Amino acid sequence: MAENASLLMVLFLCLCENVVTATDTDNLSCYRIKPGTMASVIIADVILTIGIVIVTYHCASRRRLRKERADKVYMNVRANCKT
């Protein structure tokens, strides 16, 4: 297991060295992403994540409220049956 981890680490470091030492003339076909585009993607991701959290919280709280209401009904019925 340790041999595999060591081999992976060596390969990773070699790849990182190739990326760092490469010059711009070596990668003429490299696609450049503008900072505005990257910021837009990050902002859209944050908004989508917040939306998912809000929808999940809303659905979970509605389910919890329905369960509490159902428990109250059954408790009242049981209390009425005992008397």
N, C-alpha and C. Protein backbone atom coordinates (compact mmCIF):
# COMPACT_ATOMS: atom_id res chain seq x y z
N MET A 1 0.82 -1.19 0.00
CA MET A 1 0.00 0.00 0.00
C MET A 1 0.86 1.25 0.00
N ALA A 2 1.92 1.23 0.80
CA ALA A 2 2.81 2.39 0.88
C ALA A 2 3.56 2.59 -0.43
N GLU A 3 3.87 1.48 -1.12
CA GLU A 3 4.56 1.59 -2.40
C GLU A 3 3.66 2.29 -3.42
N ASN A 4 2.38 1.95 -3.41
CA ASN A 4 1.44 2.60 -4.34
C ASN A 4 1.32 4.09 -4.04
N ALA A 5 1.27 4.43 -2.78
CA ALA A 5 1.16 5.84 -2.40
C ALA A 5 2.42 6.60 -2.80
N SER A 6 3.58 5.97 -2.62
CA SER A 6 4.83 6.62 -3.01
C SER A 6 4.90 6.82 -4.51
N LEU A 7 4.48 5.80 -5.27
CA LEU A 7 4.49 5.90 -6.72
C LEU A 7 3.54 7.00 -7.19
N LEU A 8 2.36 7.06 -6.60
CA LEU A 8 1.41 8.11 -6.97
C LEU A 8 1.95 9.50 -6.64
N MET A 9 2.62 9.62 -5.51
CA MET A 9 3.19 10.91 -5.13
C MET A 9 4.28 11.34 -6.11
N VAL A 10 5.14 10.40 -6.52
CA VAL A 10 6.19 10.73 -7.48
C VAL A 10 5.59 11.15 -8.81
N LEU A 11 4.58 10.42 -9.29
CA LEU A 11 3.92 10.77 -10.54
C LEU A 11 3.26 12.14 -10.45
N PHE A 12 2.61 12.40 -9.34
CA PHE A 12 1.95 13.70 -9.14
C PHE A 12 2.97 14.83 -9.17
N LEU A 13 4.08 14.66 -8.48
CA LEU A 13 5.10 15.70 -8.44
C LEU A 13 5.72 15.92 -9.82
N CYS A 14 5.90 14.84 -10.59
CA CYS A 14 6.43 14.99 -11.95
C CYS A 14 5.46 15.78 -12.82
N LEU A 15 4.19 15.48 -12.69
CA LEU A 15 3.19 16.21 -13.47
C LEU A 15 3.14 17.67 -13.06
N CYS A 16 3.23 17.93 -11.77
CA CYS A 16 3.23 19.32 -11.30
C CYS A 16 4.44 20.07 -11.81
N GLU A 17 5.59 19.41 -11.84
CA GLU A 17 6.80 20.06 -12.34
C GLU A 17 6.66 20.41 -13.81
N ASN A 18 6.04 19.52 -14.59
CA ASN A 18 5.83 19.80 -16.01
C ASN A 18 4.89 20.99 -16.20
N VAL A 19 3.90 21.10 -15.37
CA VAL A 19 2.96 22.21 -15.49
C VAL A 19 3.63 23.52 -15.11
N VAL A 20 4.42 23.51 -14.06
CA VAL A 20 5.06 24.73 -13.59
C VAL A 20 6.14 25.20 -14.55
N THR A 21 6.92 24.28 -15.11
CA THR A 21 8.04 24.67 -15.96
C THR A 21 7.63 24.95 -17.40
N ALA A 22 6.41 24.62 -17.78
CA ALA A 22 5.97 24.88 -19.15
C ALA A 22 5.82 26.38 -19.36
N THR A 23 6.26 26.83 -20.51
CA THR A 23 6.13 28.26 -20.83
C THR A 23 4.89 28.48 -21.67
N ASP A 24 4.53 29.74 -21.85
CA ASP A 24 3.35 30.07 -22.65
C ASP A 24 3.52 29.69 -24.11
N THR A 25 4.75 29.67 -24.61
CA THR A 25 4.96 29.30 -26.01
C THR A 25 4.75 27.81 -26.24
N ASP A 26 4.87 27.01 -25.19
CA ASP A 26 4.64 25.57 -25.33
C ASP A 26 3.16 25.26 -25.49
N ASN A 27 2.30 26.07 -24.92
CA ASN A 27 0.86 25.80 -24.91
C ASN A 27 0.11 26.86 -25.69
N LEU A 28 0.33 26.91 -26.98
CA LEU A 28 -0.36 27.91 -27.78
C LEU A 28 -1.84 27.61 -27.94
N SER A 29 -2.23 26.34 -27.82
CA SER A 29 -3.63 25.99 -27.99
C SER A 29 -4.39 25.96 -26.67
N CYS A 30 -3.80 26.47 -25.62
CA CYS A 30 -4.44 26.45 -24.30
C CYS A 30 -5.60 27.45 -24.28
N TYR A 31 -6.75 27.00 -23.77
CA TYR A 31 -7.92 27.86 -23.69
C TYR A 31 -7.83 28.72 -22.45
N ARG A 32 -8.00 30.01 -22.60
CA ARG A 32 -7.93 30.95 -21.47
C ARG A 32 -9.33 31.32 -21.01
N ILE A 33 -9.51 31.33 -19.71
CA ILE A 33 -10.79 31.73 -19.14
C ILE A 33 -10.59 33.11 -18.52
N LYS A 34 -11.44 34.03 -18.89
CA LYS A 34 -11.33 35.39 -18.38
C LYS A 34 -11.78 35.43 -16.92
N PRO A 35 -11.23 36.35 -16.13
CA PRO A 35 -11.61 36.45 -14.72
C PRO A 35 -13.10 36.72 -14.52
N GLY A 36 -13.71 37.50 -15.40
CA GLY A 36 -15.14 37.78 -15.28
C GLY A 36 -15.97 36.52 -15.45
N THR A 37 -15.57 35.67 -16.39
CA THR A 37 -16.28 34.40 -16.60
C THR A 37 -16.13 33.50 -15.39
N MET A 38 -14.93 33.42 -14.84
CA MET A 38 -14.70 32.58 -13.67
C MET A 38 -15.49 33.10 -12.47
N ALA A 39 -15.53 34.41 -12.28
CA ALA A 39 -16.30 34.99 -11.18
C ALA A 39 -17.79 34.70 -11.37
N SER A 40 -18.27 34.77 -12.60
CA SER A 40 -19.68 34.47 -12.87
C SER A 40 -20.02 33.03 -12.53
N VAL A 41 -19.13 32.11 -12.88
CA VAL A 41 -19.36 30.69 -12.57
C VAL A 41 -19.39 30.48 -11.07
N ILE A 42 -18.48 31.11 -10.35
CA ILE A 42 -18.43 30.95 -8.89
C ILE A 42 -19.67 31.55 -8.24
N ILE A 43 -20.08 32.72 -8.68
CA ILE A 43 -21.28 33.36 -8.12
C ILE A 43 -22.52 32.52 -8.41
N ALA A 44 -22.62 31.99 -9.63
CA ALA A 44 -23.77 31.14 -9.97
C ALA A 44 -23.78 29.88 -9.12
N ASP A 45 -22.60 29.32 -8.85
CA ASP A 45 -22.51 28.13 -8.01
C ASP A 45 -22.96 28.43 -6.58
N VAL A 46 -22.55 29.57 -6.05
CA VAL A 46 -22.95 29.96 -4.69
C VAL A 46 -24.46 30.16 -4.62
N ILE A 47 -25.03 30.84 -5.62
CA ILE A 47 -26.47 31.07 -5.64
C ILE A 47 -27.23 29.75 -5.74
N LEU A 48 -26.76 28.84 -6.59
CA LEU A 48 -27.42 27.54 -6.73
C LEU A 48 -27.33 26.75 -5.43
N THR A 49 -26.19 26.78 -4.77
CA THR A 49 -26.03 26.07 -3.50
C THR A 49 -26.96 26.63 -2.44
N ILE A 50 -27.04 27.94 -2.34
CA ILE A 50 -27.95 28.57 -1.37
C ILE A 50 -29.40 28.21 -1.69
N GLY A 51 -29.75 28.19 -2.96
CA GLY A 51 -31.11 27.80 -3.36
C GLY A 51 -31.44 26.38 -2.95
N ILE A 52 -30.50 25.46 -3.15
CA ILE A 52 -30.72 24.07 -2.76
C ILE A 52 -30.88 23.96 -1.25
N VAL A 53 -30.08 24.69 -0.49
CA VAL A 53 -30.18 24.66 0.97
C VAL A 53 -31.53 25.20 1.42
N ILE A 54 -32.00 26.28 0.83
CA ILE A 54 -33.29 26.87 1.21
C ILE A 54 -34.44 25.92 0.90
N VAL A 55 -34.43 25.31 -0.29
CA VAL A 55 -35.49 24.38 -0.66
C VAL A 55 -35.48 23.16 0.26
N THR A 56 -34.30 22.64 0.57
CA THR A 56 -34.20 21.48 1.46
C THR A 56 -34.71 21.83 2.86
N TYR A 57 -34.33 22.98 3.38
CA TYR A 57 -34.79 23.40 4.70
C TYR A 57 -36.30 23.58 4.72
N HIS A 58 -36.84 24.18 3.67
CA HIS A 58 -38.29 24.40 3.59
C HIS A 58 -39.04 23.07 3.58
N CYS A 59 -38.60 22.14 2.76
CA CYS A 59 -39.27 20.84 2.68
C CYS A 59 -39.15 20.07 4.00
N ALA A 60 -37.98 20.12 4.62
CA ALA A 60 -37.79 19.40 5.88
C ALA A 60 -38.64 20.01 6.99
N SER A 61 -38.74 21.33 7.05
CA SER A 61 -39.53 21.95 8.11
C SER A 61 -41.02 21.69 7.90
N ARG A 62 -41.48 21.68 6.65
CA ARG A 62 -42.89 21.36 6.40
C ARG A 62 -43.19 19.92 6.81
N ARG A 63 -42.28 19.01 6.52
CA ARG A 63 -42.48 17.61 6.89
C ARG A 63 -42.51 17.46 8.41
N ARG A 64 -41.60 18.17 9.10
CA ARG A 64 -41.56 18.10 10.56
C ARG A 64 -42.85 18.64 11.16
N LEU A 65 -43.36 19.76 10.62
CA LEU A 65 -44.61 20.33 11.13
C LEU A 65 -45.78 19.38 10.94
N ARG A 66 -45.85 18.73 9.76
CA ARG A 66 -46.93 17.78 9.53
C ARG A 66 -46.85 16.61 10.50
N LYS A 67 -45.64 16.15 10.79
CA LYS A 67 -45.47 15.04 11.73
C LYS A 67 -45.89 15.47 13.14
N GLU A 68 -45.52 16.67 13.56
CA GLU A 68 -45.91 17.16 14.89
C GLU A 68 -47.42 17.31 15.00
N ARG A 69 -48.05 17.81 13.94
CA ARG A 69 -49.51 17.95 13.95
C ARG A 69 -50.18 16.59 14.02
N ALA A 70 -49.65 15.62 13.31
CA ALA A 70 -50.23 14.28 13.33
C ALA A 70 -50.07 13.65 14.71
N ASP A 71 -48.93 13.86 15.36
CA ASP A 71 -48.73 13.33 16.70
C ASP A 71 -49.70 13.97 17.69
N LYS A 72 -49.98 15.24 17.55
CA LYS A 72 -50.93 15.91 18.45
C LYS A 72 -52.32 15.33 18.28
N VAL A 73 -52.71 15.04 17.06
CA VAL A 73 -54.03 14.46 16.82
C VAL A 73 -54.13 13.11 17.48
N TYR A 74 -53.13 12.27 17.31
CA TYR A 74 -53.18 10.94 17.91
C TYR A 74 -53.13 11.01 19.43
N MET A 75 -52.36 11.93 19.97
CA MET A 75 -52.31 12.06 21.42
C MET A 75 -53.67 12.50 21.95
N ASN A 76 -54.33 13.40 21.27
CA ASN A 76 -55.65 13.83 21.71
C ASN A 76 -56.65 12.68 21.62
N VAL A 77 -56.56 11.89 20.59
CA VAL A 77 -57.48 10.76 20.44
C VAL A 77 -57.24 9.76 21.56
N ARG A 78 -56.00 9.45 21.85
CA ARG A 78 -55.70 8.51 22.93
C ARG A 78 -56.15 9.07 24.27
N ALA A 79 -55.95 10.34 24.48
CA ALA A 79 -56.36 10.95 25.74
C ALA A 79 -57.87 10.91 25.87
N ASN A 80 -58.60 11.10 24.79
CA ASN A 80 -60.05 11.06 24.83
C ASN A 80 -60.56 9.64 25.05
N CYS A 81 -59.85 8.65 24.56
CA CYS A 81 -60.30 7.27 24.71
C CYS A 81 -60.11 6.77 26.14
N LYS A 82 -59.14 7.29 26.86
CA LYS A 82 -58.86 6.82 28.21
C LYS A 82 -59.91 7.31 29.20
N THR A 83 -60.57 8.37 28.93
CA THR A 83 -61.52 8.91 29.91
C THR A 83 -62.86 8.28 29.82
